[in-house]
Protein backbone atom coordinates (compact mmCIF):
# COMPACT_ATOMS: atom_id res chain seq x y z
CA MET A 1 -136.69 -22.61 71.09
CA ASP A 2 -133.17 -21.11 72.13
CA CYS A 3 -132.92 -22.91 75.37
CA ILE A 4 -133.66 -26.21 73.18
CA GLU A 5 -131.19 -25.61 70.56
CA ASP A 6 -128.44 -24.50 73.28
CA ILE A 7 -128.80 -28.23 74.69
CA PHE A 8 -128.59 -29.71 70.92
CA GLU A 9 -125.81 -27.54 69.86
CA SER A 10 -123.91 -28.63 73.20
CA SER A 11 -124.72 -32.31 72.68
CA LEU A 12 -123.60 -31.87 68.94
CA LYS A 13 -120.11 -30.08 70.34
CA LEU A 14 -119.36 -32.60 72.61
CA GLU A 15 -119.69 -35.44 69.93
CA GLU A 16 -117.51 -33.44 68.04
CA THR A 17 -115.10 -32.56 70.75
CA HIS A 18 -114.39 -36.36 72.19
CA PHE A 19 -114.02 -37.20 68.00
CA LYS A 20 -111.39 -34.57 67.68
CA ASP A 21 -109.74 -35.47 71.07
CA GLY A 22 -109.73 -39.11 70.22
CA TYR A 23 -108.09 -38.48 67.06
CA ASP A 24 -105.49 -36.31 68.48
CA GLU A 25 -104.59 -38.93 70.87
CA GLY A 26 -104.73 -41.91 68.09
CA HIS A 27 -102.63 -39.81 65.74
CA ALA A 28 -99.99 -38.69 68.52
CA ASP A 29 -99.79 -42.69 69.74
CA GLY A 30 -99.60 -43.61 66.04
CA LEU A 31 -96.76 -41.47 65.48
CA ILE A 32 -94.66 -42.85 68.37
CA SER A 33 -95.41 -46.89 67.54
CA GLY A 34 -94.84 -45.80 63.65
CA LYS A 35 -91.40 -44.69 64.31
CA GLU A 36 -90.39 -47.50 66.67
CA GLU A 37 -91.74 -49.80 63.80
CA GLY A 38 -90.14 -47.85 61.10
CA GLN A 39 -86.77 -48.36 63.11
CA GLN A 40 -86.84 -51.88 63.60
CA VAL A 41 -87.38 -52.46 60.13
CA GLY A 42 -84.83 -50.33 59.02
CA LEU A 43 -82.55 -51.82 61.36
CA LYS A 44 -83.29 -55.35 60.04
CA THR A 45 -83.27 -54.21 56.55
CA GLY A 46 -80.08 -52.53 56.77
CA PHE A 47 -78.40 -55.60 58.51
CA GLU A 48 -79.89 -58.12 55.38
CA ILE A 49 -78.36 -55.69 53.02
CA GLY A 50 -75.00 -55.62 54.66
CA GLU A 51 -74.93 -59.34 55.43
CA GLU A 52 -75.46 -59.75 51.57
CA LEU A 53 -72.85 -57.22 50.22
CA GLY A 54 -70.45 -58.75 52.39
CA PHE A 55 -71.20 -62.35 50.97
CA TYR A 56 -70.29 -61.10 47.60
CA ARG A 57 -67.34 -59.28 48.70
CA GLY A 58 -66.33 -62.43 50.29
CA CYS A 59 -66.95 -64.39 46.67
CA VAL A 60 -64.80 -61.62 45.09
CA ASP A 61 -61.93 -61.81 46.92
CA VAL A 62 -61.63 -65.60 46.46
CA TRP A 63 -62.03 -65.23 43.11
CA ASN A 64 -59.77 -62.33 43.03
CA SER A 65 -56.89 -64.46 45.07
CA ALA A 66 -57.76 -67.60 42.52
CA ILE A 67 -56.94 -65.39 39.38
CA ARG A 68 -53.82 -63.93 41.25
CA VAL A 69 -52.49 -67.22 41.75
CA ASP A 70 -53.22 -68.78 38.12
CA PRO A 71 -54.63 -66.02 35.48
CA ASN A 72 -55.88 -68.75 33.06
CA PHE A 73 -57.91 -70.31 35.71
CA ILE A 74 -61.03 -68.09 34.97
CA SER A 75 -61.24 -66.71 31.46
CA VAL A 76 -61.24 -63.18 30.37
CA ARG A 77 -64.60 -62.84 30.16
CA ILE A 78 -65.84 -63.65 33.78
CA GLN A 79 -62.75 -62.09 34.73
CA LYS A 80 -64.15 -59.00 33.49
CA THR A 81 -67.42 -59.67 35.17
CA ILE A 82 -65.90 -60.12 38.32
CA LYS A 83 -64.23 -56.90 38.02
CA GLN A 84 -67.36 -55.07 37.41
CA MET A 85 -69.25 -56.87 40.60
CA ASP A 86 -66.00 -55.41 42.70
CA GLU A 87 -66.60 -51.95 41.09
CA LEU A 88 -70.22 -52.32 41.80
CA LEU A 89 -69.48 -53.58 45.50
CA HIS A 90 -67.08 -50.66 45.91
CA SER A 91 -69.51 -47.79 44.64
CA TYR A 92 -72.63 -49.01 46.80
CA PRO A 93 -74.00 -46.24 49.01
CA ILE A 94 -73.60 -47.86 52.38
CA LEU A 95 -73.65 -44.27 54.28
CA GLU A 96 -76.63 -43.35 51.98
CA PRO A 97 -79.49 -45.87 52.29
CA GLU A 98 -82.28 -43.67 51.18
CA LYS A 99 -80.52 -43.80 47.81
CA GLU A 100 -82.41 -45.59 45.21
CA SER A 101 -79.32 -46.66 43.08
CA GLY A 102 -78.71 -49.05 46.07
CA SER A 103 -81.45 -51.50 44.95
CA ASP A 104 -80.59 -51.62 41.51
CA MET A 105 -77.29 -51.89 42.49
CA ILE A 106 -78.16 -55.26 44.71
CA ASP A 107 -80.31 -56.19 41.58
CA ALA A 108 -77.21 -56.10 39.43
CA LEU A 109 -74.97 -57.73 41.68
CA ARG A 110 -77.16 -60.59 41.96
CA LEU A 111 -77.40 -61.04 38.20
CA LYS A 112 -73.69 -60.99 37.82
CA PHE A 113 -73.29 -63.48 40.72
CA ARG A 114 -75.65 -65.89 38.81
CA ALA A 115 -73.67 -65.66 36.01
CA ILE A 116 -70.09 -65.98 37.40
CA CYS A 117 -71.58 -69.10 39.24
CA ALA A 118 -73.14 -70.53 35.94
CA SER A 119 -69.90 -69.83 33.66
CA LEU A 120 -67.77 -71.51 36.50
CA ASN A 121 -70.14 -74.25 36.95
CA MET A 122 -70.42 -73.44 40.77
CA LYS A 123 -73.09 -74.26 42.96
CA LEU A 124 -72.86 -71.18 45.39
CA GLU A 125 -75.92 -69.45 46.38
CA TYR A 126 -76.58 -66.77 49.21
CA ASN A 127 -78.85 -68.33 51.63
CA GLY A 128 -80.33 -64.88 52.95
CA TYR A 129 -82.66 -63.82 50.31
CA PRO A 130 -85.69 -65.95 49.22
CA LYS A 131 -85.49 -68.45 46.62
CA THR A 132 -87.91 -69.01 43.75
CA SER A 133 -89.15 -71.99 45.39
CA ASP A 134 -89.68 -70.40 48.78
CA VAL A 135 -91.74 -67.51 47.43
CA GLU A 136 -95.38 -68.00 48.37
CA PHE A 137 -98.41 -66.29 47.00
């Protein structure tokens, strides 16, 4: 009887061994490919955020130049919003991408940008992020 039990036990252990080996190999491969994919996504996302921040910086610089040339060109209320946008751009955590405040700051920049453009009656938009008409569900 012990001989029969030993045969079945070795068969069961063989299956467990193959299962464990397969799992360990898959886990190791997943770690490598996950790290590579994460790096690619992070690089792409970081570039997109930097591009958007640069666009807003350019707009703020142009608006500030227009204000220096003619302070009455833009109302005091809009000048205040431009200054707030400038402060947000200066305080954005570029070197600390894991900070969650960055996402909130981008959202605030987008809102202020839209408000300024609407107040100035300008049709200016950043083409990098999707428009609501481009989003599909």
